[in-house]
């Protein structure tokens, strides 16, 4: 059981090229098959986090690879959907810039001595769920897909702003503590 969460994360990373191959294939129902791959990847995300916490097998690999795999899968799906105009390009760019900035801040925090740790919060988790919902609405052409894109984009901006604010406050606290 110890390695199952990391194996699920690794599977999620392997599903990214599979997703692209299916999405851009000439296969009948390629879009729905690609959506199914995304849903399976999302289930592995929920499952690996649940198992890691339940069995207390949180690893260094998992704490870095899990959010990386999540971001890569989501950005890959958003890119492909915006490429065929099922999602607005501005939406893809907002999420991409947010994720890249958060990855950069995460790398900075991990490289600090001592490391600065910022756990996922309700804003980040809600944004992740809304990105998932946005993708489902777009692929299934459900009414309200554009409105959900706007709401998700606004929440993504708020989430990053909050993340950056906490990062800056952490730096300020360190500076004051070192005086």
C-alpha atoms as a PDB file:
ATOM      1  CA  UNK A   1       0.000   0.000   0.000  1.00  0.00           C
ATOM      2  CA  UNK A   2       2.974   2.253   0.645  1.00  0.00           C
ATOM      3  CA  UNK A   3       3.662   2.969  -3.037  1.00  0.00           C
ATOM      4  CA  UNK A   4       0.102   2.939  -4.411  1.00  0.00           C
ATOM      5  CA  UNK A   5      -0.416   6.750  -4.230  1.00  0.00           C
ATOM      6  CA  UNK A   6       2.853   7.347  -6.124  1.00  0.00           C
ATOM      7  CA  UNK A   7       1.944   4.684  -8.681  1.00  0.00           C
ATOM      8  CA  UNK A   8      -1.404   6.429  -9.254  1.00  0.00           C
ATOM      9  CA  UNK A   9       0.402   9.754  -9.720  1.00  0.00           C
ATOM     10  CA  UNK A  10       2.789   8.125 -12.194  1.00  0.00           C
ATOM     11  CA  UNK A  11      -0.158   6.608 -14.081  1.00  0.00           C
ATOM     12  CA  UNK A  12      -1.713  10.081 -14.283  1.00  0.00           C
ATOM     13  CA  UNK A  13       1.492  11.417 -15.849  1.00  0.00           C
ATOM     14  CA  UNK A  14       1.482   8.544 -18.352  1.00  0.00           C
ATOM     15  CA  UNK A  15      -2.137   9.304 -19.260  1.00  0.00           C
ATOM     16  CA  UNK A  16      -1.198  12.769 -20.578  1.00  0.00           C
ATOM     17  CA  UNK A  17       0.355  11.581 -23.876  1.00  0.00           C
ATOM     18  CA  UNK A  18      -2.376   8.939 -24.174  1.00  0.00           C
ATOM     19  CA  UNK A  19      -4.954  11.714 -23.806  1.00  0.00           C
ATOM     20  CA  UNK A  20      -3.323  13.725 -26.615  1.00  0.00           C
ATOM     21  CA  UNK A  21      -3.048  10.703 -28.922  1.00  0.00           C
ATOM     22  CA  UNK A  22      -6.731   9.906 -28.459  1.00  0.00           C
ATOM     23  CA  UNK A  23      -7.890  13.537 -28.584  1.00  0.00           C
ATOM     24  CA  UNK A  24      -6.146  14.275 -31.891  1.00  0.00           C
ATOM     25  CA  UNK A  25      -6.881  10.875 -33.448  1.00  0.00           C
ATOM     26  CA  UNK A  26      -9.381  10.264 -36.205  1.00  0.00           C
ATOM     27  CA  UNK A  27     -11.096   7.687 -34.002  1.00  0.00           C
ATOM     28  CA  UNK A  28     -14.853   7.856 -33.846  1.00  0.00           C
ATOM     29  CA  UNK A  29     -15.872   9.527 -30.588  1.00  0.00           C
ATOM     30  CA  UNK A  30     -12.270  10.644 -29.947  1.00  0.00           C
ATOM     31  CA  UNK A  31     -13.470  13.609 -27.891  1.00  0.00           C
ATOM     32  CA  UNK A  32     -15.566  11.466 -25.556  1.00  0.00           C
ATOM     33  CA  UNK A  33     -12.786   8.887 -25.225  1.00  0.00           C
ATOM     34  CA  UNK A  34     -10.328  11.674 -24.389  1.00  0.00           C
ATOM     35  CA  UNK A  35     -12.810  13.009 -21.829  1.00  0.00           C
ATOM     36  CA  UNK A  36     -13.004   9.524 -20.294  1.00  0.00           C
ATOM     37  CA  UNK A  37      -9.197   9.486 -19.985  1.00  0.00           C
ATOM     38  CA  UNK A  38      -9.341  12.872 -18.258  1.00  0.00           C
ATOM     39  CA  UNK A  39     -12.029  11.619 -15.855  1.00  0.00           C
ATOM     40  CA  UNK A  40      -9.946   8.511 -15.048  1.00  0.00           C
ATOM     41  CA  UNK A  41      -6.916  10.746 -14.421  1.00  0.00           C
ATOM     42  CA  UNK A  42      -9.027  12.944 -12.137  1.00  0.00           C
ATOM     43  CA  UNK A  43     -10.205   9.892 -10.201  1.00  0.00           C
ATOM     44  CA  UNK A  44      -6.582   8.800  -9.705  1.00  0.00           C
ATOM     45  CA  UNK A  45      -5.882  12.284  -8.327  1.00  0.00           C
ATOM     46  CA  UNK A  46      -8.629  12.017  -5.719  1.00  0.00           C
ATOM     47  CA  UNK A  47      -7.727   8.412  -4.933  1.00  0.00           C
ATOM     48  CA  UNK A  48      -3.978   8.957  -4.486  1.00  0.00           C
ATOM     49  CA  UNK A  49      -4.538  11.837  -2.072  1.00  0.00           C
ATOM     50  CA  UNK A  50      -7.107   9.860  -0.108  1.00  0.00           C
ATOM     51  CA  UNK A  51      -4.868   6.786   0.147  1.00  0.00           C
ATOM     52  CA  UNK A  52      -1.757   8.787   1.053  1.00  0.00           C
ATOM     53  CA  UNK A  53      -3.579  10.489   3.924  1.00  0.00           C
ATOM     54  CA  UNK A  54      -5.512   7.417   5.091  1.00  0.00           C
ATOM     55  CA  UNK A  55      -2.458   5.170   5.252  1.00  0.00           C
ATOM     56  CA  UNK A  56      -0.048   7.979   6.153  1.00  0.00           C
ATOM     57  CA  UNK A  57       2.242   7.269   3.220  1.00  0.00           C
ATOM     58  CA  UNK A  58       2.904  10.833   2.117  1.00  0.00           C
ATOM     59  CA  UNK A  59       6.227  10.913   0.253  1.00  0.00           C
ATOM     60  CA  UNK A  60       8.571  13.620  -1.022  1.00  0.00           C
ATOM     61  CA  UNK A  61       7.971  12.337  -4.555  1.00  0.00           C
ATOM     62  CA  UNK A  62       4.202  12.509  -4.086  1.00  0.00           C
ATOM     63  CA  UNK A  63       4.186  16.001  -2.594  1.00  0.00           C
ATOM     64  CA  UNK A  64       5.954  17.297  -5.724  1.00  0.00           C
ATOM     65  CA  UNK A  65       4.762  14.911  -8.440  1.00  0.00           C
ATOM     66  CA  UNK A  66       1.065  14.882  -7.492  1.00  0.00           C
ATOM     67  CA  UNK A  67       0.379  18.615  -7.955  1.00  0.00           C
ATOM     68  CA  UNK A  68       2.658  18.635 -11.021  1.00  0.00           C
ATOM     69  CA  UNK A  69       0.710  15.760 -12.599  1.00  0.00           C
ATOM     70  CA  UNK A  70      -2.590  17.481 -11.780  1.00  0.00           C
ATOM     71  CA  UNK A  71      -1.506  20.758 -13.340  1.00  0.00           C
ATOM     72  CA  UNK A  72      -0.024  19.067 -16.410  1.00  0.00           C
ATOM     73  CA  UNK A  73      -3.177  17.039 -17.047  1.00  0.00           C
ATOM     74  CA  UNK A  74      -5.498  20.016 -16.587  1.00  0.00           C
ATOM     75  CA  UNK A  75      -3.390  22.344 -18.733  1.00  0.00           C
ATOM     76  CA  UNK A  76      -3.094  19.660 -21.431  1.00  0.00           C
ATOM     77  CA  UNK A  77      -6.856  19.218 -21.585  1.00  0.00           C
ATOM     78  CA  UNK A  78      -7.469  22.974 -21.537  1.00  0.00           C
ATOM     79  CA  UNK A  79      -4.936  23.469 -24.328  1.00  0.00           C
ATOM     80  CA  UNK A  80      -6.494  20.822 -26.551  1.00  0.00           C
ATOM     81  CA  UNK A  81     -10.031  22.113 -25.980  1.00  0.00           C
ATOM     82  CA  UNK A  82      -9.004  25.697 -26.705  1.00  0.00           C
ATOM     83  CA  UNK A  83      -7.136  24.452 -29.784  1.00  0.00           C
ATOM     84  CA  UNK A  84     -10.421  23.254 -31.285  1.00  0.00           C
ATOM     85  CA  UNK A  85     -12.308  26.280 -29.856  1.00  0.00           C
ATOM     86  CA  UNK A  86     -14.397  24.352 -27.333  1.00  0.00           C
ATOM     87  CA  UNK A  87     -12.915  26.640 -24.687  1.00  0.00           C
ATOM     88  CA  UNK A  88     -11.932  30.257 -25.046  1.00  0.00           C
ATOM     89  CA  UNK A  89      -8.216  30.861 -25.592  1.00  0.00           C
ATOM     90  CA  UNK A  90      -8.174  33.573 -22.896  1.00  0.00           C
ATOM     91  CA  UNK A  91      -9.423  30.988 -20.405  1.00  0.00           C
ATOM     92  CA  UNK A  92      -6.591  28.609 -21.270  1.00  0.00           C
ATOM     93  CA  UNK A  93      -4.018  31.418 -20.918  1.00  0.00           C
ATOM     94  CA  UNK A  94      -5.347  32.576 -17.543  1.00  0.00           C
ATOM     95  CA  UNK A  95      -5.150  29.055 -16.126  1.00  0.00           C
ATOM     96  CA  UNK A  96      -1.747  28.391 -17.738  1.00  0.00           C
ATOM     97  CA  UNK A  97      -0.192  31.603 -16.364  1.00  0.00           C
ATOM     98  CA  UNK A  98      -1.686  30.935 -12.916  1.00  0.00           C
ATOM     99  CA  UNK A  99      -0.317  27.389 -12.857  1.00  0.00           C
ATOM    100  CA  UNK A 100       3.133  28.390 -14.127  1.00  0.00           C
ATOM    101  CA  UNK A 101       3.392  31.176 -11.540  1.00  0.00           C
ATOM    102  CA  UNK A 102       2.301  28.828  -8.765  1.00  0.00           C
ATOM    103  CA  UNK A 103       4.838  26.226  -9.888  1.00  0.00           C
ATOM    104  CA  UNK A 104       7.553  28.904  -9.860  1.00  0.00           C
ATOM    105  CA  UNK A 105       6.570  30.063  -6.372  1.00  0.00           C
ATOM    106  CA  UNK A 106       6.438  26.435  -5.240  1.00  0.00           C
ATOM    107  CA  UNK A 107       9.978  25.824  -6.506  1.00  0.00           C
ATOM    108  CA  UNK A 108      11.175  28.958  -4.711  1.00  0.00           C
ATOM    109  CA  UNK A 109       9.486  27.891  -1.465  1.00  0.00           C
ATOM    110  CA  UNK A 110      10.906  24.356  -1.589  1.00  0.00           C
ATOM    111  CA  UNK A 111      14.416  25.664  -2.285  1.00  0.00           C
ATOM    112  CA  UNK A 112      14.356  28.050   0.696  1.00  0.00           C
ATOM    113  CA  UNK A 113      16.139  27.170   3.915  1.00  0.00           C
ATOM    114  CA  UNK A 114      14.106  26.253   5.890  1.00  0.00           C
ATOM    115  CA  UNK A 115      11.465  25.330   3.327  1.00  0.00           C
ATOM    116  CA  UNK A 116       8.345  27.436   3.193  1.00  0.00           C
ATOM    117  CA  UNK A 117       5.284  25.191   3.123  1.00  0.00           C
ATOM    118  CA  UNK A 118       1.898  26.294   1.885  1.00  0.00           C
ATOM    119  CA  UNK A 119      -0.829  23.681   1.957  1.00  0.00           C
ATOM    120  CA  UNK A 120      -3.707  23.543  -0.479  1.00  0.00           C
ATOM    121  CA  UNK A 121      -6.661  25.590   0.696  1.00  0.00           C
ATOM    122  CA  UNK A 122     -10.342  25.934  -0.135  1.00  0.00           C
ATOM    123  CA  UNK A 123      -9.669  28.440  -2.949  1.00  0.00           C
ATOM    124  CA  UNK A 124      -7.237  26.119  -4.709  1.00  0.00           C
ATOM    125  CA  UNK A 125      -9.412  23.052  -4.258  1.00  0.00           C
ATOM    126  CA  UNK A 126     -12.508  24.911  -5.469  1.00  0.00           C
ATOM    127  CA  UNK A 127     -10.619  26.218  -8.504  1.00  0.00           C
ATOM    128  CA  UNK A 128      -9.492  22.679  -9.342  1.00  0.00           C
ATOM    129  CA  UNK A 129     -13.067  21.391  -9.099  1.00  0.00           C
ATOM    130  CA  UNK A 130     -14.372  24.287 -11.215  1.00  0.00           C
ATOM    131  CA  UNK A 131     -11.742  23.657 -13.908  1.00  0.00           C
ATOM    132  CA  UNK A 132     -12.935  20.032 -13.982  1.00  0.00           C
ATOM    133  CA  UNK A 133     -16.573  21.190 -14.245  1.00  0.00           C
ATOM    134  CA  UNK A 134     -15.639  23.712 -16.960  1.00  0.00           C
ATOM    135  CA  UNK A 135     -14.018  20.951 -19.006  1.00  0.00           C
ATOM    136  CA  UNK A 136     -17.058  18.676 -18.643  1.00  0.00           C
ATOM    137  CA  UNK A 137     -19.441  21.496 -19.613  1.00  0.00           C
ATOM    138  CA  UNK A 138     -17.317  22.406 -22.647  1.00  0.00           C
ATOM    139  CA  UNK A 139     -16.944  18.856 -23.971  1.00  0.00           C
ATOM    140  CA  UNK A 140     -20.615  18.031 -23.479  1.00  0.00           C
ATOM    141  CA  UNK A 141     -21.664  21.464 -24.853  1.00  0.00           C
ATOM    142  CA  UNK A 142     -23.840  22.072 -21.807  1.00  0.00           C
ATOM    143  CA  UNK A 143     -25.631  25.388 -21.367  1.00  0.00           C
ATOM    144  CA  UNK A 144     -23.714  27.822 -19.192  1.00  0.00           C
ATOM    145  CA  UNK A 145     -20.247  26.669 -20.303  1.00  0.00           C
ATOM    146  CA  UNK A 146     -19.134  30.240 -21.038  1.00  0.00           C
ATOM    147  CA  UNK A 147     -20.433  31.552 -17.713  1.00  0.00           C
ATOM    148  CA  UNK A 148     -18.585  28.780 -15.869  1.00  0.00           C
ATOM    149  CA  UNK A 149     -15.399  29.753 -17.736  1.00  0.00           C
ATOM    150  CA  UNK A 150     -15.757  33.338 -16.473  1.00  0.00           C
ATOM    151  CA  UNK A 151     -16.461  32.244 -12.889  1.00  0.00           C
ATOM    152  CA  UNK A 152     -13.566  29.779 -12.931  1.00  0.00           C
ATOM    153  CA  UNK A 153     -11.183  32.367 -14.407  1.00  0.00           C
ATOM    154  CA  UNK A 154     -12.108  34.903 -11.720  1.00  0.00           C
ATOM    155  CA  UNK A 155     -11.659  32.316  -8.973  1.00  0.00           C
ATOM    156  CA  UNK A 156      -8.309  31.243 -10.484  1.00  0.00           C
ATOM    157  CA  UNK A 157      -7.097  34.852 -10.348  1.00  0.00           C
ATOM    158  CA  UNK A 158      -8.315  35.194  -6.748  1.00  0.00           C
ATOM    159  CA  UNK A 159      -6.650  31.886  -5.857  1.00  0.00           C
ATOM    160  CA  UNK A 160      -3.299  32.942  -7.276  1.00  0.00           C
ATOM    161  CA  UNK A 161      -3.541  36.382  -5.667  1.00  0.00           C
ATOM    162  CA  UNK A 162      -4.197  34.739  -2.310  1.00  0.00           C
ATOM    163  CA  UNK A 163      -1.320  32.274  -2.870  1.00  0.00           C
ATOM    164  CA  UNK A 164       1.079  35.093  -3.808  1.00  0.00           C
ATOM    165  CA  UNK A 165      -0.077  37.182  -0.825  1.00  0.00           C
ATOM    166  CA  UNK A 166       0.647  34.348   1.622  1.00  0.00           C
ATOM    167  CA  UNK A 167       4.027  33.803  -0.040  1.00  0.00           C
ATOM    168  CA  UNK A 168       4.926  37.488   0.369  1.00  0.00           C
ATOM    169  CA  UNK A 169       3.694  37.527   3.981  1.00  0.00           C
ATOM    170  CA  UNK A 170       5.841  34.459   4.661  1.00  0.00           C
ATOM    171  CA  UNK A 171       8.868  36.255   3.229  1.00  0.00           C
ATOM    172  CA  UNK A 172       8.099  39.304   5.360  1.00  0.00           C
ATOM    173  CA  UNK A 173       7.833  37.166   8.519  1.00  0.00           C
ATOM    174  CA  UNK A 174      11.177  35.522   7.740  1.00  0.00           C
ATOM    175  CA  UNK A 175      12.798  38.890   7.195  1.00  0.00           C
ATOM    176  CA  UNK A 176      11.478  40.189  10.530  1.00  0.00           C
ATOM    177  CA  UNK A 177      12.557  36.987  12.305  1.00  0.00           C
ATOM    178  CA  UNK A 178      16.099  37.325  10.930  1.00  0.00           C
ATOM    179  CA  UNK A 179      16.600  40.881  12.216  1.00  0.00           C
END
